[in-house]
Amino acid sequence: MSKEEESTPAIPAEVIQLLGRTGVTGEITQVRVKILDGRDRGRVLTRNVKGPVREGDILILRETEREARKMRRR
């Protein structure tokens, strides 16, 4: 583990809404999450998640600066 990884806090975020599937084969789920701790507490972000996820799950984020692009509607 590098020094940068050790100093980066793990930030918990609760999944509040599932927005849809994305990715070439639909393997990514786009979700809205609410940050539960840290300087961005209460902020709502759109993030992409790989793997099974449902509303109410707690994700551990490495950072809260990036936000996923909105999905295109077809």
N, C-alpha and C. Protein backbone atom coordinates (compact mmCIF):
# COMPACT_ATOMS: atom_id res chain seq x y z
N MET A 1 0.84 -1.18 0.00
CA MET A 1 0.00 0.00 0.00
C MET A 1 0.88 1.24 0.00
N SER A 2 0.56 2.20 -0.85
CA SER A 2 1.36 3.41 -0.91
C SER A 2 0.94 4.39 0.18
N LYS A 3 1.76 5.41 0.40
CA LYS A 3 1.44 6.43 1.41
C LYS A 3 0.13 7.13 1.08
N GLU A 4 -0.09 7.39 -0.22
CA GLU A 4 -1.32 8.08 -0.64
C GLU A 4 -2.55 7.26 -0.29
N GLU A 5 -2.50 5.94 -0.52
CA GLU A 5 -3.64 5.08 -0.21
C GLU A 5 -3.90 5.03 1.28
N GLU A 6 -2.86 5.05 2.09
CA GLU A 6 -3.04 5.00 3.53
C GLU A 6 -3.69 6.27 4.06
N SER A 7 -3.37 7.43 3.47
CA SER A 7 -3.90 8.69 3.96
C SER A 7 -5.29 9.01 3.40
N THR A 8 -5.72 8.31 2.35
CA THR A 8 -7.03 8.55 1.76
C THR A 8 -8.09 7.88 2.63
N PRO A 9 -9.04 8.66 3.16
CA PRO A 9 -10.06 8.06 4.03
C PRO A 9 -11.08 7.27 3.22
N ALA A 10 -11.63 6.26 3.84
CA ALA A 10 -12.73 5.51 3.24
C ALA A 10 -14.01 6.26 3.60
N ILE A 11 -14.78 6.64 2.60
CA ILE A 11 -15.96 7.47 2.82
C ILE A 11 -17.22 6.64 2.57
N PRO A 12 -18.04 6.43 3.59
CA PRO A 12 -19.27 5.65 3.40
C PRO A 12 -20.35 6.47 2.70
N ALA A 13 -21.08 5.79 1.81
CA ALA A 13 -22.18 6.43 1.08
C ALA A 13 -23.32 5.43 0.94
N GLU A 14 -24.55 5.88 1.17
CA GLU A 14 -25.72 5.00 1.08
C GLU A 14 -26.36 5.13 -0.30
N VAL A 15 -26.69 3.99 -0.90
CA VAL A 15 -27.38 3.97 -2.20
C VAL A 15 -28.83 4.38 -1.95
N ILE A 16 -29.25 5.49 -2.59
CA ILE A 16 -30.62 5.96 -2.39
C ILE A 16 -31.51 5.74 -3.61
N GLN A 17 -30.89 5.50 -4.79
CA GLN A 17 -31.69 5.28 -5.99
C GLN A 17 -30.86 4.54 -7.03
N LEU A 18 -31.48 3.56 -7.69
CA LEU A 18 -30.86 2.88 -8.82
C LEU A 18 -31.35 3.58 -10.09
N LEU A 19 -30.43 4.04 -10.92
CA LEU A 19 -30.80 4.80 -12.11
C LEU A 19 -30.90 3.95 -13.37
N GLY A 20 -30.13 2.87 -13.44
CA GLY A 20 -30.19 2.03 -14.63
C GLY A 20 -28.87 1.32 -14.88
N ARG A 21 -28.86 0.52 -15.95
CA ARG A 21 -27.68 -0.26 -16.32
C ARG A 21 -26.95 0.45 -17.44
N THR A 22 -25.63 0.35 -17.43
CA THR A 22 -24.82 0.96 -18.47
C THR A 22 -23.64 0.05 -18.75
N GLY A 23 -22.77 0.47 -19.63
CA GLY A 23 -21.64 -0.38 -20.04
C GLY A 23 -22.02 -1.14 -21.29
N VAL A 24 -21.04 -1.62 -21.99
CA VAL A 24 -21.26 -2.31 -23.27
C VAL A 24 -22.21 -3.49 -23.11
N THR A 25 -22.05 -4.25 -22.03
CA THR A 25 -22.90 -5.42 -21.83
C THR A 25 -23.86 -5.25 -20.65
N GLY A 26 -24.00 -4.04 -20.14
CA GLY A 26 -24.93 -3.79 -19.04
C GLY A 26 -24.41 -4.23 -17.69
N GLU A 27 -23.10 -4.36 -17.56
CA GLU A 27 -22.52 -4.88 -16.31
C GLU A 27 -22.35 -3.82 -15.23
N ILE A 28 -22.57 -2.55 -15.57
CA ILE A 28 -22.41 -1.44 -14.63
C ILE A 28 -23.79 -0.89 -14.26
N THR A 29 -24.00 -0.61 -12.97
CA THR A 29 -25.25 -0.01 -12.51
C THR A 29 -24.96 1.43 -12.10
N GLN A 30 -25.74 2.36 -12.63
CA GLN A 30 -25.58 3.75 -12.22
C GLN A 30 -26.52 4.00 -11.05
N VAL A 31 -25.98 4.59 -9.98
CA VAL A 31 -26.74 4.81 -8.75
C VAL A 31 -26.56 6.23 -8.24
N ARG A 32 -27.51 6.69 -7.43
CA ARG A 32 -27.37 7.95 -6.69
C ARG A 32 -27.03 7.54 -5.26
N VAL A 33 -26.00 8.17 -4.71
CA VAL A 33 -25.58 7.86 -3.35
C VAL A 33 -25.55 9.14 -2.51
N LYS A 34 -25.81 8.99 -1.21
CA LYS A 34 -25.74 10.10 -0.27
C LYS A 34 -24.54 9.87 0.62
N ILE A 35 -23.63 10.83 0.65
CA ILE A 35 -22.41 10.73 1.46
C ILE A 35 -22.80 10.80 2.94
N LEU A 36 -22.30 9.85 3.74
CA LEU A 36 -22.69 9.75 5.14
C LEU A 36 -21.68 10.37 6.10
N ASP A 37 -20.45 10.62 5.64
CA ASP A 37 -19.41 11.09 6.56
C ASP A 37 -18.41 11.96 5.81
N GLY A 38 -17.61 12.68 6.53
CA GLY A 38 -16.56 13.49 5.92
C GLY A 38 -17.03 14.90 5.58
N ARG A 39 -16.18 15.62 4.87
CA ARG A 39 -16.48 17.02 4.57
C ARG A 39 -17.66 17.20 3.63
N ASP A 40 -18.00 16.17 2.84
CA ASP A 40 -19.13 16.25 1.90
C ASP A 40 -20.39 15.58 2.44
N ARG A 41 -20.48 15.41 3.75
CA ARG A 41 -21.64 14.75 4.36
C ARG A 41 -22.94 15.37 3.85
N GLY A 42 -23.89 14.51 3.42
CA GLY A 42 -25.19 14.98 2.95
C GLY A 42 -25.25 15.23 1.45
N ARG A 43 -24.10 15.30 0.79
CA ARG A 43 -24.06 15.54 -0.66
C ARG A 43 -24.55 14.30 -1.40
N VAL A 44 -25.27 14.49 -2.50
CA VAL A 44 -25.78 13.39 -3.31
C VAL A 44 -25.01 13.36 -4.62
N LEU A 45 -24.44 12.19 -4.94
CA LEU A 45 -23.64 12.00 -6.15
C LEU A 45 -24.22 10.91 -7.02
N THR A 46 -23.91 10.94 -8.31
CA THR A 46 -24.20 9.84 -9.22
C THR A 46 -22.90 9.07 -9.42
N ARG A 47 -22.93 7.77 -9.20
CA ARG A 47 -21.72 6.95 -9.34
C ARG A 47 -22.05 5.68 -10.12
N ASN A 48 -21.04 5.10 -10.72
CA ASN A 48 -21.17 3.82 -11.41
C ASN A 48 -20.63 2.73 -10.49
N VAL A 49 -21.37 1.61 -10.42
CA VAL A 49 -21.00 0.51 -9.53
C VAL A 49 -20.96 -0.78 -10.33
N LYS A 50 -19.91 -1.55 -10.14
CA LYS A 50 -19.82 -2.86 -10.79
C LYS A 50 -20.14 -3.91 -9.74
N GLY A 51 -20.99 -4.84 -10.08
CA GLY A 51 -21.37 -5.89 -9.15
C GLY A 51 -22.77 -5.66 -8.62
N PRO A 52 -23.26 -6.61 -7.81
CA PRO A 52 -24.63 -6.50 -7.30
C PRO A 52 -24.77 -5.34 -6.32
N VAL A 53 -25.85 -4.59 -6.47
CA VAL A 53 -26.11 -3.46 -5.59
C VAL A 53 -27.62 -3.24 -5.52
N ARG A 54 -28.11 -2.77 -4.36
CA ARG A 54 -29.53 -2.45 -4.22
C ARG A 54 -29.68 -1.24 -3.31
N GLU A 55 -30.87 -0.65 -3.31
CA GLU A 55 -31.12 0.51 -2.47
C GLU A 55 -30.88 0.16 -1.01
N GLY A 56 -30.27 1.09 -0.29
CA GLY A 56 -29.98 0.87 1.13
C GLY A 56 -28.59 0.33 1.39
N ASP A 57 -27.92 -0.16 0.36
CA ASP A 57 -26.54 -0.66 0.54
C ASP A 57 -25.61 0.50 0.88
N ILE A 58 -24.55 0.19 1.62
CA ILE A 58 -23.53 1.17 1.95
C ILE A 58 -22.30 0.87 1.10
N LEU A 59 -21.87 1.87 0.30
CA LEU A 59 -20.66 1.75 -0.50
C LEU A 59 -19.54 2.50 0.20
N ILE A 60 -18.32 2.03 0.06
CA ILE A 60 -17.17 2.73 0.58
C ILE A 60 -16.45 3.38 -0.60
N LEU A 61 -16.44 4.70 -0.64
CA LEU A 61 -15.83 5.44 -1.73
C LEU A 61 -14.43 5.89 -1.34
N ARG A 62 -13.53 5.92 -2.30
CA ARG A 62 -12.18 6.43 -2.05
C ARG A 62 -12.14 7.94 -2.13
N GLU A 63 -13.02 8.51 -2.96
CA GLU A 63 -13.06 9.97 -3.11
C GLU A 63 -14.48 10.39 -3.51
N THR A 64 -14.76 11.68 -3.30
CA THR A 64 -16.10 12.19 -3.60
C THR A 64 -16.08 13.32 -4.62
N GLU A 65 -14.93 13.55 -5.25
CA GLU A 65 -14.83 14.64 -6.21
C GLU A 65 -15.43 14.30 -7.57
N ARG A 66 -15.23 13.06 -8.00
CA ARG A 66 -15.71 12.65 -9.33
C ARG A 66 -17.17 12.24 -9.27
N GLU A 67 -17.87 12.51 -10.37
CA GLU A 67 -19.25 12.10 -10.49
C GLU A 67 -19.42 11.46 -11.87
N ALA A 68 -20.23 10.41 -11.96
CA ALA A 68 -20.45 9.72 -13.22
C ALA A 68 -21.22 10.61 -14.18
N ARG A 69 -20.96 10.44 -15.48
CA ARG A 69 -21.75 11.13 -16.49
C ARG A 69 -23.17 10.57 -16.48
N LYS A 70 -24.12 11.43 -16.80
CA LYS A 70 -25.52 10.99 -16.86
C LYS A 70 -25.68 10.04 -18.05
N MET A 71 -26.51 9.03 -17.89
CA MET A 71 -26.76 8.08 -18.97
C MET A 71 -27.57 8.75 -20.08
N ARG A 72 -27.28 8.35 -21.30
CA ARG A 72 -28.06 8.84 -22.44
C ARG A 72 -29.36 8.08 -22.51
N ARG A 73 -30.43 8.78 -22.80
CA ARG A 73 -31.73 8.12 -22.99
C ARG A 73 -31.87 7.76 -24.46
N ARG A 74 -32.34 6.56 -24.74
CA ARG A 74 -32.51 6.12 -26.13
C ARG A 74 -33.93 6.18 -26.57
